[in-house]
C-alpha cells in the first residue's frame, strides 16, 4: 500500500521547479507560463542526471566563499592587499592566500589541455 505522504525527493524537485520559475521571472522577466515550463524542464533534467541516486544537499558555504573570493580577486589591483584586508575584515596573510589561489585558478582556466584534443580547437 502506497503512502499518501510525499517523499522529500519529490518535494525537492517540485521546489526546484518552482524556484527556477520564480528566478527566471524575477531576473529575466520571463512570462509565468514559460517560467513554469522552464522550471519543469530543469527538474526533469535533474531527474535524468541524478534519478535513483541518494543526494546530499550542502548548505552552500563553499559557493558563498567562492563568491567572496571572486569579489576579492576582482578588487585586487596587484598592490592593494592591505586595503582588501581592511575592506573585507581578513588578515593580510589570508588575502594573499585568496589572491594566490584565485590567480592560479584563473591561469589554469586559460591554459589549454594538450591531452584533450577537443580543447585544442
Protein backbone atom coordinates (compact mmCIF):
# COMPACT_ATOMS: atom_id res chain seq x y z
CA UNK A 1 0.00 0.00 0.00
CA UNK A 2 1.44 3.36 -1.03
CA UNK A 3 1.77 6.11 1.48
CA UNK A 4 -0.18 9.28 0.80
CA UNK A 5 2.71 11.45 2.02
CA UNK A 6 5.13 12.91 -0.47
CA UNK A 7 8.77 11.98 -0.47
CA UNK A 8 11.43 14.57 0.38
CA UNK A 9 12.96 13.98 -3.07
CA UNK A 10 9.62 14.76 -4.74
CA UNK A 11 9.29 17.88 -2.64
CA UNK A 12 12.84 18.88 -3.56
CA UNK A 13 12.21 18.51 -7.30
CA UNK A 14 8.90 20.33 -7.05
CA UNK A 15 10.54 23.17 -5.13
CA UNK A 16 13.41 23.24 -7.65
CA UNK A 17 10.91 23.72 -10.48
CA UNK A 18 9.15 26.47 -8.53
CA UNK A 19 12.41 28.26 -7.62
CA UNK A 20 13.69 28.16 -11.21
CA UNK A 21 10.36 29.59 -12.40
CA UNK A 22 10.44 32.39 -9.81
CA UNK A 23 14.09 33.22 -10.52
CA UNK A 24 13.54 33.35 -14.28
CA UNK A 25 10.54 35.66 -13.86
CA UNK A 26 12.33 37.96 -11.41
CA UNK A 27 15.77 38.03 -13.02
CA UNK A 28 14.86 37.90 -16.70
CA UNK A 29 11.20 38.89 -16.93
CA UNK A 30 10.18 35.53 -18.38
CA UNK A 31 6.39 35.20 -18.67
CA UNK A 32 4.85 32.98 -15.99
CA UNK A 33 3.83 30.11 -18.29
CA UNK A 34 7.28 29.98 -19.90
CA UNK A 35 8.95 30.24 -16.48
CA UNK A 36 6.91 27.31 -15.17
CA UNK A 37 7.82 25.26 -18.27
CA UNK A 38 11.48 26.09 -17.74
CA UNK A 39 11.28 25.08 -14.08
CA UNK A 40 9.69 21.76 -15.00
CA UNK A 41 12.33 21.19 -17.70
CA UNK A 42 15.16 21.83 -15.24
CA UNK A 43 13.60 19.43 -12.71
CA UNK A 44 13.22 16.77 -15.41
CA UNK A 45 16.85 17.21 -16.43
CA UNK A 46 17.89 16.73 -12.81
CA UNK A 47 15.85 13.50 -12.74
CA UNK A 48 17.60 12.31 -15.91
CA UNK A 49 21.04 13.16 -14.50
CA UNK A 50 20.60 12.18 -10.85
CA UNK A 51 17.50 9.97 -10.73
CA UNK A 52 17.82 6.97 -8.42
CA UNK A 53 20.81 8.35 -6.56
CA UNK A 54 20.89 9.44 -2.96
CA UNK A 55 21.85 13.10 -2.77
CA UNK A 56 23.28 15.29 -0.06
CA UNK A 57 22.40 18.97 -0.30
CA UNK A 58 25.16 21.11 1.20
CA UNK A 59 24.34 24.47 2.74
CA UNK A 60 26.27 26.36 0.09
CA UNK A 61 29.07 27.64 2.28
CA UNK A 62 31.61 26.93 -0.47
CA UNK A 63 29.52 28.81 -3.01
CA UNK A 64 29.33 31.84 -0.73
CA UNK A 65 33.07 31.62 -0.04
CA UNK A 66 33.75 31.33 -3.76
CA UNK A 67 31.68 34.44 -4.44
CA UNK A 68 33.55 36.34 -1.77
CA UNK A 69 36.93 35.09 -3.02
CA UNK A 70 35.99 36.08 -6.57
CA UNK A 71 34.97 39.55 -5.39
CA UNK A 72 38.27 39.96 -3.55
CA UNK A 73 40.18 38.81 -6.63
CA UNK A 74 38.23 41.21 -8.85
CA UNK A 75 39.02 44.06 -6.41
CA UNK A 76 42.71 43.14 -6.36
CA UNK A 77 44.86 45.58 -8.31
CA UNK A 78 48.21 43.89 -7.72
CA UNK A 79 49.29 46.07 -4.83
CA UNK A 80 46.24 46.69 -2.63
CA UNK A 81 46.37 43.68 -0.30
CA UNK A 82 46.21 45.81 2.86
CA UNK A 83 43.22 47.75 1.56
CA UNK A 84 41.41 44.47 0.79
CA UNK A 85 42.23 43.08 4.24
CA UNK A 86 40.63 46.13 5.85
CA UNK A 87 37.67 46.19 3.46
CA UNK A 88 36.77 42.52 3.93
CA UNK A 89 37.88 42.10 7.55
CA UNK A 90 40.50 39.41 6.88
CA UNK A 91 44.14 39.18 7.80
CA UNK A 92 46.70 40.35 5.27
CA UNK A 93 48.06 36.81 5.03
CA UNK A 94 44.59 35.43 4.25
CA UNK A 95 44.13 37.99 1.45
CA UNK A 96 47.48 36.90 -0.02
CA UNK A 97 46.32 33.27 0.06
CA UNK A 98 42.99 34.09 -1.60
CA UNK A 99 44.68 36.11 -4.34
CA UNK A 100 47.25 33.37 -4.92
CA UNK A 101 44.57 30.66 -5.09
CA UNK A 102 42.26 32.67 -7.37
CA UNK A 103 45.12 33.74 -9.62
CA UNK A 104 46.18 30.11 -10.05
CA UNK A 105 42.60 29.07 -10.83
CA UNK A 106 42.33 31.92 -13.34
CA UNK A 107 45.58 30.95 -15.06
CA UNK A 108 44.68 27.25 -15.05
CA UNK A 109 41.34 28.00 -16.70
CA UNK A 110 43.14 29.84 -19.50
CA UNK A 111 45.63 27.04 -20.20
CA UNK A 112 44.92 24.57 -22.98
CA UNK A 113 44.91 20.91 -22.10
CA UNK A 114 47.27 19.18 -24.53
CA UNK A 115 45.85 15.77 -23.60
CA UNK A 116 42.26 16.62 -24.55
CA UNK A 117 42.08 17.34 -28.30
CA UNK A 118 38.60 18.88 -28.02
CA UNK A 119 40.06 21.76 -26.01
CA UNK A 120 42.71 22.49 -28.66
CA UNK A 121 40.31 23.86 -31.22
